[in-house]
PDB file of N, CA and C in Angstrom:
ATOM      1  N   UNK A   1     -32.179 -37.478  -5.016  1.00  0.00           N
ATOM      2  CA  UNK A   1     -33.211 -36.926  -4.978  1.00  0.00           C
ATOM      3  C   UNK A   1     -33.511 -36.503  -3.653  1.00  0.00           C
ATOM      4  N   UNK A   2     -33.591 -37.057  -2.758  1.00  0.00           N
ATOM      5  CA  UNK A   2     -33.654 -37.038  -1.374  1.00  0.00           C
ATOM      6  C   UNK A   2     -32.587 -35.971  -0.697  1.00  0.00           C
ATOM      7  N   UNK A   3     -31.432 -35.982  -1.229  1.00  0.00           N
ATOM      8  CA  UNK A   3     -30.493 -35.213  -0.788  1.00  0.00           C
ATOM      9  C   UNK A   3     -30.881 -33.789  -1.150  1.00  0.00           C
ATOM     10  N   UNK A   4     -30.846 -33.409  -2.526  1.00  0.00           N
ATOM     11  CA  UNK A   4     -31.412 -32.207  -3.091  1.00  0.00           C
ATOM     12  C   UNK A   4     -32.448 -31.342  -2.694  1.00  0.00           C
ATOM     13  N   UNK A   5     -33.285 -32.506  -2.097  1.00  0.00           N
ATOM     14  CA  UNK A   5     -34.412 -32.069  -1.184  1.00  0.00           C
ATOM     15  C   UNK A   5     -34.142 -31.375   0.369  1.00  0.00           C
ATOM     16  N   UNK A   6     -33.364 -32.173   0.545  1.00  0.00           N
ATOM     17  CA  UNK A   6     -32.740 -31.458   2.188  1.00  0.00           C
ATOM     18  C   UNK A   6     -31.710 -30.262   2.089  1.00  0.00           C
ATOM     19  N   UNK A   7     -31.095 -30.332   0.977  1.00  0.00           N
ATOM     20  CA  UNK A   7     -29.922 -29.536   0.999  1.00  0.00           C
ATOM     21  C   UNK A   7     -30.653 -27.869   0.564  1.00  0.00           C
ATOM     22  N   UNK A   8     -31.737 -27.932  -0.405  1.00  0.00           N
ATOM     23  CA  UNK A   8     -32.096 -26.491  -0.949  1.00  0.00           C
ATOM     24  C   UNK A   8     -32.648 -25.878   0.348  1.00  0.00           C
ATOM     25  N   UNK A   9     -33.346 -26.160   1.428  1.00  0.00           N
ATOM     26  CA  UNK A   9     -33.762 -25.353   2.162  1.00  0.00           C
ATOM     27  C   UNK A   9     -32.454 -24.524   2.792  1.00  0.00           C
ATOM     28  N   UNK A  10     -31.471 -25.007   3.466  1.00  0.00           N
ATOM     29  CA  UNK A  10     -30.465 -24.818   4.045  1.00  0.00           C
ATOM     30  C   UNK A  10     -29.517 -23.735   3.198  1.00  0.00           C
ATOM     31  N   UNK A  11     -29.781 -24.209   1.525  1.00  0.00           N
ATOM     32  CA  UNK A  11     -28.717 -23.147   0.886  1.00  0.00           C
ATOM     33  C   UNK A  11     -29.663 -21.665   1.029  1.00  0.00           C
ATOM     34  N   UNK A  12     -30.782 -21.844   1.235  1.00  0.00           N
ATOM     35  CA  UNK A  12     -31.849 -20.882   0.800  1.00  0.00           C
ATOM     36  C   UNK A  12     -31.885 -19.825   2.349  1.00  0.00           C
ATOM     37  N   UNK A  13     -31.751 -20.587   3.295  1.00  0.00           N
ATOM     38  CA  UNK A  13     -31.670 -19.984   4.648  1.00  0.00           C
ATOM     39  C   UNK A  13     -30.289 -19.221   4.499  1.00  0.00           C
ATOM     40  N   UNK A  14     -29.384 -19.773   4.029  1.00  0.00           N
ATOM     41  CA  UNK A  14     -27.934 -19.379   4.179  1.00  0.00           C
ATOM     42  C   UNK A  14     -27.898 -17.809   3.278  1.00  0.00           C
ATOM     43  N   UNK A  15     -28.468 -18.016   1.791  1.00  0.00           N
ATOM     44  CA  UNK A  15     -28.498 -16.897   1.192  1.00  0.00           C
ATOM     45  C   UNK A  15     -29.577 -16.030   1.948  1.00  0.00           C
ATOM     46  N   UNK A  16     -30.300 -16.092   2.602  1.00  0.00           N
ATOM     47  CA  UNK A  16     -31.592 -15.183   3.391  1.00  0.00           C
ATOM     48  C   UNK A  16     -30.196 -14.365   4.398  1.00  0.00           C
ATOM     49  N   UNK A  17     -29.393 -15.336   4.795  1.00  0.00           N
ATOM     50  CA  UNK A  17     -28.575 -14.815   5.718  1.00  0.00           C
ATOM     51  C   UNK A  17     -27.403 -13.628   5.590  1.00  0.00           C
ATOM     52  N   UNK A  18     -26.766 -13.968   4.310  1.00  0.00           N
ATOM     53  CA  UNK A  18     -25.927 -12.934   3.722  1.00  0.00           C
ATOM     54  C   UNK A  18     -26.533 -12.075   3.608  1.00  0.00           C
ATOM     55  N   UNK A  19     -27.791 -11.921   2.969  1.00  0.00           N
ATOM     56  CA  UNK A  19     -28.479 -10.888   2.520  1.00  0.00           C
ATOM     57  C   UNK A  19     -28.765  -9.792   3.914  1.00  0.00           C
ATOM     58  N   UNK A  20     -29.008 -10.523   4.841  1.00  0.00           N
ATOM     59  CA  UNK A  20     -29.409  -9.731   6.215  1.00  0.00           C
ATOM     60  C   UNK A  20     -27.776  -8.995   6.576  1.00  0.00           C
ATOM     61  N   UNK A  21     -26.847  -9.619   6.515  1.00  0.00           N
ATOM     62  CA  UNK A  21     -25.289  -9.439   6.642  1.00  0.00           C
ATOM     63  C   UNK A  21     -24.980  -8.192   5.754  1.00  0.00           C
ATOM     64  N   UNK A  22     -25.314  -8.342   4.222  1.00  0.00           N
ATOM     65  CA  UNK A  22     -24.913  -7.485   3.711  1.00  0.00           C
ATOM     66  C   UNK A  22     -25.632  -5.984   3.702  1.00  0.00           C
ATOM     67  N   UNK A  23     -26.614  -6.105   4.395  1.00  0.00           N
ATOM     68  CA  UNK A  23     -27.608  -5.218   4.418  1.00  0.00           C
ATOM     69  C   UNK A  23     -26.836  -4.243   5.874  1.00  0.00           C
ATOM     70  N   UNK A  24     -26.744  -4.885   6.844  1.00  0.00           N
ATOM     71  CA  UNK A  24     -26.036  -4.510   7.815  1.00  0.00           C
ATOM     72  C   UNK A  24     -24.939  -3.534   7.461  1.00  0.00           C
ATOM     73  N   UNK A  25     -23.928  -4.580   6.814  1.00  0.00           N
ATOM     74  CA  UNK A  25     -22.928  -3.524   6.385  1.00  0.00           C
ATOM     75  C   UNK A  25     -22.768  -2.655   5.976  1.00  0.00           C
ATOM     76  N   UNK A  26     -24.037  -2.763   5.102  1.00  0.00           N
ATOM     77  CA  UNK A  26     -24.028  -1.470   4.065  1.00  0.00           C
ATOM     78  C   UNK A  26     -24.465  -0.362   4.991  1.00  0.00           C
ATOM     79  N   UNK A  27     -25.529  -0.666   5.963  1.00  0.00           N
ATOM     80  CA  UNK A  27     -25.647   0.739   6.725  1.00  0.00           C
ATOM     81  C   UNK A  27     -24.864   1.343   7.522  1.00  0.00           C
ATOM     82  N   UNK A  28     -24.147   0.186   8.151  1.00  0.00           N
ATOM     83  CA  UNK A  28     -22.679   0.600   8.848  1.00  0.00           C
ATOM     84  C   UNK A  28     -21.451   1.431   8.051  1.00  0.00           C
ATOM     85  N   UNK A  29     -21.688   0.860   7.346  1.00  0.00           N
ATOM     86  CA  UNK A  29     -20.892   1.588   6.362  1.00  0.00           C
ATOM     87  C   UNK A  29     -21.028   3.130   6.066  1.00  0.00           C
ATOM     88  N   UNK A  30     -22.265   3.261   5.565  1.00  0.00           N
ATOM     89  CA  UNK A  30     -22.887   4.573   5.324  1.00  0.00           C
ATOM     90  C   UNK A  30     -22.888   5.453   6.662  1.00  0.00           C
ATOM     91  N   UNK A  31     -23.004   4.974   7.759  1.00  0.00           N
ATOM     92  CA  UNK A  31     -23.045   5.554   8.813  1.00  0.00           C
ATOM     93  C   UNK A  31     -21.563   5.991   9.033  1.00  0.00           C
ATOM     94  N   UNK A  32     -20.601   5.248   8.811  1.00  0.00           N
ATOM     95  CA  UNK A  32     -19.426   5.618   9.073  1.00  0.00           C
ATOM     96  C   UNK A  32     -18.935   7.102   8.385  1.00  0.00           C
ATOM     97  N   UNK A  33     -19.226   6.617   7.197  1.00  0.00           N
ATOM     98  CA  UNK A  33     -19.143   7.757   6.267  1.00  0.00           C
ATOM     99  C   UNK A  33     -19.627   8.491   6.699  1.00  0.00           C
ATOM    100  N   UNK A  34     -20.863   9.060   7.324  1.00  0.00           N
ATOM    101  CA  UNK A  34     -21.484  10.151   7.691  1.00  0.00           C
ATOM    102  C   UNK A  34     -21.206  10.705   8.985  1.00  0.00           C
ATOM    103  N   UNK A  35     -20.766   9.564  10.064  1.00  0.00           N
ATOM    104  CA  UNK A  35     -19.777  10.306  11.307  1.00  0.00           C
ATOM    105  C   UNK A  35     -18.367  10.710  10.638  1.00  0.00           C
ATOM    106  N   UNK A  36     -17.592  10.087   9.623  1.00  0.00           N
ATOM    107  CA  UNK A  36     -16.373  10.390   9.435  1.00  0.00           C
ATOM    108  C   UNK A  36     -16.403  12.134   8.969  1.00  0.00           C
ATOM    109  N   UNK A  37     -17.221  12.403   8.094  1.00  0.00           N
ATOM    110  CA  UNK A  37     -17.674  13.770   7.300  1.00  0.00           C
ATOM    111  C   UNK A  37     -18.057  14.641   8.562  1.00  0.00           C
ATOM    112  N   UNK A  38     -19.156  14.121   9.383  1.00  0.00           N
ATOM    113  CA  UNK A  38     -19.243  15.348  10.519  1.00  0.00           C
ATOM    114  C   UNK A  38     -18.162  15.116  11.473  1.00  0.00           C
ATOM    115  N   UNK A  39     -16.930  14.649  11.981  1.00  0.00           N
ATOM    116  CA  UNK A  39     -15.923  14.834  12.998  1.00  0.00           C
ATOM    117  C   UNK A  39     -15.207  15.919  11.672  1.00  0.00           C
ATOM    118  N   UNK A  40     -14.873  15.451  10.868  1.00  0.00           N
ATOM    119  CA  UNK A  40     -14.183  16.426  10.098  1.00  0.00           C
ATOM    120  C   UNK A  40     -14.516  17.649   9.929  1.00  0.00           C
ATOM    121  N   UNK A  41     -15.611  17.900   9.939  1.00  0.00           N
ATOM    122  CA  UNK A  41     -16.773  19.040   9.805  1.00  0.00           C
ATOM    123  C   UNK A  41     -16.475  19.899  11.215  1.00  0.00           C
ATOM    124  N   UNK A  42     -16.621  19.219  12.171  1.00  0.00           N
ATOM    125  CA  UNK A  42     -16.403  19.567  13.438  1.00  0.00           C
ATOM    126  C   UNK A  42     -14.862  20.124  13.996  1.00  0.00           C
ATOM    127  N   UNK A  43     -13.959  19.434  13.504  1.00  0.00           N
ATOM    128  CA  UNK A  43     -12.544  19.741  13.770  1.00  0.00           C
ATOM    129  C   UNK A  43     -12.151  21.087  12.944  1.00  0.00           C
ATOM    130  N   UNK A  44     -12.985  21.313  11.867  1.00  0.00           N
ATOM    131  CA  UNK A  44     -12.777  22.233  11.238  1.00  0.00           C
ATOM    132  C   UNK A  44     -13.183  23.639  11.661  1.00  0.00           C
ATOM    133  N   UNK A  45     -14.130  23.344  12.486  1.00  0.00           N
ATOM    134  CA  UNK A  45     -14.761  24.605  13.420  1.00  0.00           C
ATOM    135  C   UNK A  45     -13.857  25.194  14.698  1.00  0.00           C
TER     136      UNK A  45
END
């Protein structure tokens, strides 16, 4: 019982951390796509 009590907060912390990392990756990916389109647009000009 004590082991589970000790492990749970750590797992919760890691889940929170992975959520943060996922958000950062998603934002970076969207920005990269946007910049890619912008560069192509400028090169066509």
